[in-house]
């Protein structure tokens, strides 16, 4: 493993940038977790003049082949290939989530926010790396691996379109993309249990419990920025989503889990496909 994973990490921004840039997924997740641990131990500065520049795109291995979302085949969870396909899609989501959490840290270190902002997002990055490894281990136990089938590239586009606006980034990534996980994961857990795949169901349970906290981190800091700018959080969310997110939000919504994380229906109900004009 390269020495960057050790004591020569100089700053949080630099460590996060190295992790984003790494195309070796074992190295990427290890760097993310090492950076999080060192930051929480206060063994890293926030930034350094020696930090490398942020890459335009995160590092990736040659596979999976990236296709448009409609190019990803859907299969029944009642078959082994269908469960593998779902786990592969989830691994891809979690890998992007690692890079998105690292990117919000590395990209916005010059923002006037408290140190606890970076504490929260590095905890998210640590847990997203854990999730990717859990799903990849489960895929391997089923005779598959990440990269075996195509995946879509839409998730990183959300990061690119909000790269210059922290409030917009918070609206789109944790409060739309992560919150969607709260809506769909409980039913996926139940379907896995119905098929007898209790191991995969347990992986989904762990992810679901962590994702509640990730949405809460996003909602906390979105509300913080809105309060500082004296803007109404729900109206600001709706404006930013209409500007920065393609399409409408799709019900059903897990209103209880969303509200517990600080994302109340006043934020998203008017944006749902049922209410879209």
Protein backbone atom coordinates (compact mmCIF):
# COMPACT_ATOMS: atom_id res chain seq x y z
CA UNK A 1 0.00 0.00 0.00
CA UNK A 2 1.44 3.42 -0.95
CA UNK A 3 2.92 5.59 1.77
CA UNK A 4 0.16 8.18 1.37
CA UNK A 5 -1.98 5.99 3.62
CA UNK A 6 0.50 6.53 6.46
CA UNK A 7 2.00 9.31 8.47
CA UNK A 8 2.85 11.60 5.53
CA UNK A 9 -0.72 12.79 5.03
CA UNK A 10 -0.37 16.53 5.62
CA UNK A 11 -3.91 17.84 5.63
CA UNK A 12 -7.53 16.79 5.47
CA UNK A 13 -8.00 18.41 2.07
CA UNK A 14 -4.90 16.67 0.72
CA UNK A 15 -5.87 13.28 2.11
CA UNK A 16 -9.43 13.56 0.81
CA UNK A 17 -8.11 14.57 -2.63
CA UNK A 18 -5.72 11.59 -2.76
CA UNK A 19 -8.58 9.25 -1.88
CA UNK A 20 -10.84 10.73 -4.56
CA UNK A 21 -8.10 10.42 -7.17
CA UNK A 22 -7.21 6.80 -6.38
CA UNK A 23 -8.38 4.25 -8.95
CA UNK A 24 -7.49 1.36 -6.61
CA UNK A 25 -10.70 0.85 -4.63
CA UNK A 26 -9.00 -0.86 -1.69
CA UNK A 27 -6.61 2.09 -1.49
CA UNK A 28 -9.43 4.62 -1.92
CA UNK A 29 -11.49 3.22 0.95
CA UNK A 30 -8.42 2.81 3.18
CA UNK A 31 -7.34 6.40 2.50
CA UNK A 32 -10.85 7.65 3.26
CA UNK A 33 -10.97 5.82 6.58
CA UNK A 34 -7.39 6.72 7.52
CA UNK A 35 -8.08 10.40 6.78
CA UNK A 36 -11.26 10.28 8.86
CA UNK A 37 -9.49 8.65 11.80
CA UNK A 38 -6.57 11.08 11.73
CA UNK A 39 -8.87 14.07 11.38
CA UNK A 40 -11.02 13.00 14.32
CA UNK A 41 -7.84 12.51 16.36
CA UNK A 42 -6.82 16.06 15.33
CA UNK A 43 -3.67 14.73 13.67
CA UNK A 44 -4.29 16.56 10.37
CA UNK A 45 -4.51 20.24 9.54
CA UNK A 46 -7.51 21.34 7.52
CA UNK A 47 -5.49 22.29 4.44
CA UNK A 48 -1.91 22.79 3.26
CA UNK A 49 -0.23 24.75 0.45
CA UNK A 50 1.15 21.39 -0.72
CA UNK A 51 -2.29 19.85 -1.32
CA UNK A 52 -2.76 18.38 -4.82
CA UNK A 53 -5.52 19.82 -7.02
CA UNK A 54 -8.92 18.15 -7.01
CA UNK A 55 -9.43 15.87 -10.02
CA UNK A 56 -12.30 16.53 -12.42
CA UNK A 57 -13.53 12.98 -11.86
CA UNK A 58 -12.83 10.39 -9.17
CA UNK A 59 -10.35 7.63 -9.86
CA UNK A 60 -11.93 4.40 -11.10
CA UNK A 61 -10.72 1.00 -12.27
CA UNK A 62 -11.33 -0.09 -15.88
CA UNK A 63 -14.56 -1.84 -14.89
CA UNK A 64 -17.46 -1.42 -14.52
CA UNK A 65 -18.35 0.03 -17.90
CA UNK A 66 -20.37 3.21 -17.30
CA UNK A 67 -23.64 3.56 -19.23
CA UNK A 68 -26.76 5.74 -19.17
CA UNK A 69 -29.15 4.85 -16.29
CA UNK A 70 -31.61 3.21 -18.72
CA UNK A 71 -28.80 0.90 -19.86
CA UNK A 72 -28.65 -0.87 -16.47
CA UNK A 73 -30.70 -4.05 -16.62
CA UNK A 74 -33.26 -4.73 -13.87
CA UNK A 75 -33.81 -8.28 -12.63
CA UNK A 76 -35.99 -10.06 -10.11
CA UNK A 77 -34.61 -10.33 -6.58
CA UNK A 78 -36.05 -13.85 -6.41
CA UNK A 79 -33.13 -15.09 -8.53
CA UNK A 80 -29.46 -15.16 -7.59
CA UNK A 81 -28.46 -13.11 -10.68
CA UNK A 82 -31.10 -10.56 -9.66
CA UNK A 83 -29.74 -10.25 -6.12
CA UNK A 84 -26.20 -9.95 -7.47
CA UNK A 85 -27.36 -7.21 -9.87
CA UNK A 86 -28.97 -5.29 -7.02
CA UNK A 87 -25.89 -5.61 -4.82
CA UNK A 88 -23.70 -4.49 -7.71
CA UNK A 89 -25.88 -1.40 -8.23
CA UNK A 90 -25.72 -0.65 -4.50
CA UNK A 91 -21.93 -1.08 -4.46
CA UNK A 92 -21.72 1.50 -7.25
CA UNK A 93 -23.91 3.90 -5.30
CA UNK A 94 -21.81 3.47 -2.16
CA UNK A 95 -18.55 3.95 -4.06
CA UNK A 96 -19.86 7.23 -5.45
CA UNK A 97 -21.01 8.16 -1.95
CA UNK A 98 -17.43 7.75 -0.69
CA UNK A 99 -16.18 10.20 -3.30
CA UNK A 100 -19.09 12.60 -2.77
CA UNK A 101 -18.44 12.79 0.98
CA UNK A 102 -14.72 13.33 0.38
CA UNK A 103 -15.44 15.92 -2.30
CA UNK A 104 -17.66 18.05 -0.05
CA UNK A 105 -14.75 18.15 2.40
CA UNK A 106 -11.92 18.77 -0.06
CA UNK A 107 -13.82 21.23 -2.24
CA UNK A 108 -15.21 23.42 0.51
CA UNK A 109 -12.36 23.73 3.03
CA UNK A 110 -12.28 27.48 2.44
CA UNK A 111 -15.95 27.92 3.35
CA UNK A 112 -16.61 29.79 6.63
CA UNK A 113 -18.09 26.80 8.47
CA UNK A 114 -17.28 25.33 11.92
CA UNK A 115 -14.77 22.50 12.26
CA UNK A 116 -17.67 20.22 13.18
CA UNK A 117 -18.84 20.46 9.56
CA UNK A 118 -15.76 18.48 8.52
CA UNK A 119 -16.15 16.14 11.51
CA UNK A 120 -19.60 15.17 10.27
CA UNK A 121 -18.64 14.64 6.65
CA UNK A 122 -15.54 12.60 7.46
CA UNK A 123 -17.70 10.32 9.60
CA UNK A 124 -19.95 9.95 6.55
CA UNK A 125 -16.94 9.20 4.33
CA UNK A 126 -15.69 6.56 6.80
CA UNK A 127 -19.09 4.84 6.87
CA UNK A 128 -19.59 4.97 3.09
CA UNK A 129 -16.23 3.24 2.69
CA UNK A 130 -17.42 0.62 5.18
CA UNK A 131 -20.62 0.15 3.18
CA UNK A 132 -18.77 -0.35 -0.11
CA UNK A 133 -16.54 -2.97 1.47
CA UNK A 134 -19.50 -4.78 3.06
CA UNK A 135 -21.35 -5.01 -0.25
CA UNK A 136 -18.23 -6.01 -2.18
CA UNK A 137 -17.49 -8.76 0.33
CA UNK A 138 -21.07 -9.99 -0.04
CA UNK A 139 -20.79 -9.96 -3.85
CA UNK A 140 -17.60 -12.00 -3.64
CA UNK A 141 -19.25 -14.53 -1.33
CA UNK A 142 -21.90 -14.99 -4.05
CA UNK A 143 -19.28 -15.61 -6.73
CA UNK A 144 -19.32 -12.11 -8.22
CA UNK A 145 -17.41 -8.84 -7.81
CA UNK A 146 -17.82 -5.13 -8.35
CA UNK A 147 -17.12 -4.37 -12.01
CA UNK A 148 -18.77 -7.52 -13.36
CA UNK A 149 -21.70 -5.62 -14.92
CA UNK A 150 -22.36 -2.11 -16.25
CA UNK A 151 -23.20 0.79 -13.92
CA UNK A 152 -24.58 4.26 -14.52
CA UNK A 153 -22.76 7.57 -14.24
CA UNK A 154 -25.54 9.86 -13.04
CA UNK A 155 -24.41 10.17 -9.43
CA UNK A 156 -21.17 11.98 -10.12
CA UNK A 157 -23.02 14.45 -12.35
CA UNK A 158 -24.80 15.71 -9.23
CA UNK A 159 -21.44 16.58 -7.73
CA UNK A 160 -20.21 18.30 -10.86
CA UNK A 161 -23.32 20.46 -11.27
CA UNK A 162 -23.10 21.74 -7.66
CA UNK A 163 -19.31 22.12 -7.45
CA UNK A 164 -19.46 25.89 -6.89
CA UNK A 165 -22.32 26.09 -4.37
CA UNK A 166 -22.18 24.35 -1.00
CA UNK A 167 -25.87 24.94 -0.23
CA UNK A 168 -26.85 23.41 -3.57
CA UNK A 169 -24.51 20.45 -2.97
CA UNK A 170 -26.20 19.78 0.37
CA UNK A 171 -29.65 20.00 -1.22
CA UNK A 172 -28.88 17.57 -4.03
CA UNK A 173 -26.57 14.97 -2.50
CA UNK A 174 -27.64 14.22 1.09
CA UNK A 175 -31.18 15.62 0.90
CA UNK A 176 -32.16 13.98 -2.40
CA UNK A 177 -29.77 11.14 -3.24
CA UNK A 178 -29.10 9.92 0.31
CA UNK A 179 -32.69 10.49 1.39
CA UNK A 180 -33.81 8.25 -1.45
CA UNK A 181 -31.98 5.43 0.28
CA UNK A 182 -34.21 5.92 3.32
CA UNK A 183 -37.25 5.45 1.07
CA UNK A 184 -36.22 2.28 -0.76
CA UNK A 185 -33.90 0.33 1.55
CA UNK A 186 -36.47 -1.05 4.04
CA UNK A 187 -38.45 -2.76 1.26
CA UNK A 188 -35.23 -4.12 -0.27
CA UNK A 189 -34.27 -5.55 3.13
CA UNK A 190 -37.64 -7.27 3.36
CA UNK A 191 -37.37 -8.72 -0.15
CA UNK A 192 -33.92 -10.10 0.66
CA UNK A 193 -35.32 -11.75 3.79
CA UNK A 194 -38.19 -13.24 1.77
CA UNK A 195 -35.69 -14.90 -0.58
CA UNK A 196 -33.78 -16.30 2.41
CA UNK A 197 -30.73 -14.12 1.76
CA UNK A 198 -30.35 -13.02 5.37
CA UNK A 199 -26.70 -12.04 4.91
CA UNK A 200 -27.54 -9.45 2.25
CA UNK A 201 -30.50 -8.26 4.32
CA UNK A 202 -28.16 -7.63 7.26
CA UNK A 203 -25.79 -5.60 5.07
CA UNK A 204 -28.76 -3.47 3.98
CA UNK A 205 -29.83 -3.02 7.60
CA UNK A 206 -26.41 -1.67 8.56
CA UNK A 207 -26.42 0.71 5.62
CA UNK A 208 -29.94 1.94 6.37
CA UNK A 209 -29.14 2.73 10.00
CA UNK A 210 -26.01 4.68 8.99
CA UNK A 211 -27.77 6.54 6.17
CA UNK A 212 -30.23 8.07 8.63
CA UNK A 213 -27.25 9.84 10.17
CA UNK A 214 -25.93 10.92 6.78
CA UNK A 215 -29.19 12.63 5.87
CA UNK A 216 -29.19 14.25 9.31
CA UNK A 217 -25.71 15.68 8.71
CA UNK A 218 -26.89 17.10 5.41
CA UNK A 219 -30.07 18.59 6.89
CA UNK A 220 -28.18 20.09 9.84
CA UNK A 221 -25.73 21.99 7.67
CA UNK A 222 -28.30 22.93 5.05
CA UNK A 223 -30.40 24.52 7.78
CA UNK A 224 -27.28 26.15 9.25
CA UNK A 225 -26.41 27.83 5.95
CA UNK A 226 -30.00 28.92 5.35
CA UNK A 227 -30.21 30.43 8.85
CA UNK A 228 -26.96 32.29 8.35
CA UNK A 229 -28.28 33.73 5.08
CA UNK A 230 -31.76 34.35 6.58
CA UNK A 231 -33.40 32.11 3.97
CA UNK A 232 -36.37 29.80 4.45
CA UNK A 233 -34.92 26.26 4.34
CA UNK A 234 -37.86 24.53 2.62
CA UNK A 235 -38.27 27.22 -0.05
CA UNK A 236 -34.50 27.38 -0.61
CA UNK A 237 -34.36 23.61 -0.99
CA UNK A 238 -37.13 23.70 -3.60
CA UNK A 239 -35.42 26.51 -5.57
CA UNK A 240 -32.07 24.72 -5.56
CA UNK A 241 -33.56 21.39 -6.56
CA UNK A 242 -35.43 22.92 -9.48
CA UNK A 243 -32.20 24.56 -10.64
CA UNK A 244 -29.74 21.73 -10.02
CA UNK A 245 -31.62 18.42 -10.21
CA UNK A 246 -33.16 16.85 -13.28
CA UNK A 247 -36.58 15.32 -12.90
CA UNK A 248 -39.02 15.18 -10.02
CA UNK A 249 -38.73 13.40 -6.68
CA UNK A 250 -40.42 10.03 -6.73
CA UNK A 251 -42.72 8.76 -3.97
CA UNK A 252 -43.25 6.77 -1.85
CA UNK A 253 -41.34 8.68 0.82
CA UNK A 254 -40.25 7.34 4.20
CA UNK A 255 -41.67 10.38 5.97
CA UNK A 256 -40.83 9.17 9.48
CA UNK A 257 -37.16 8.45 8.79
CA UNK A 258 -36.81 11.65 6.76
CA UNK A 259 -38.40 13.79 9.49
CA UNK A 260 -36.22 12.18 12.18
CA UNK A 261 -33.21 13.31 10.12
CA UNK A 262 -34.55 16.87 9.88
CA UNK A 263 -36.03 16.60 6.38
CA UNK A 264 -39.73 17.32 6.85
CA UNK A 265 -42.41 16.91 4.14
CA UNK A 266 -42.57 20.69 3.64
CA UNK A 267 -39.21 20.36 1.87
CA UNK A 268 -40.03 17.76 -0.75
CA UNK A 269 -43.76 17.12 -1.16
CA UNK A 270 -44.33 19.92 -3.69
CA UNK A 271 -41.43 18.55 -5.76
CA UNK A 272 -42.73 15.00 -6.01
CA UNK A 273 -43.83 13.52 -9.32
CA UNK A 274 -47.43 13.39 -8.05
CA UNK A 275 -47.40 17.16 -7.71
CA UNK A 276 -45.25 17.96 -10.73
CA UNK A 277 -46.97 19.91 -13.45
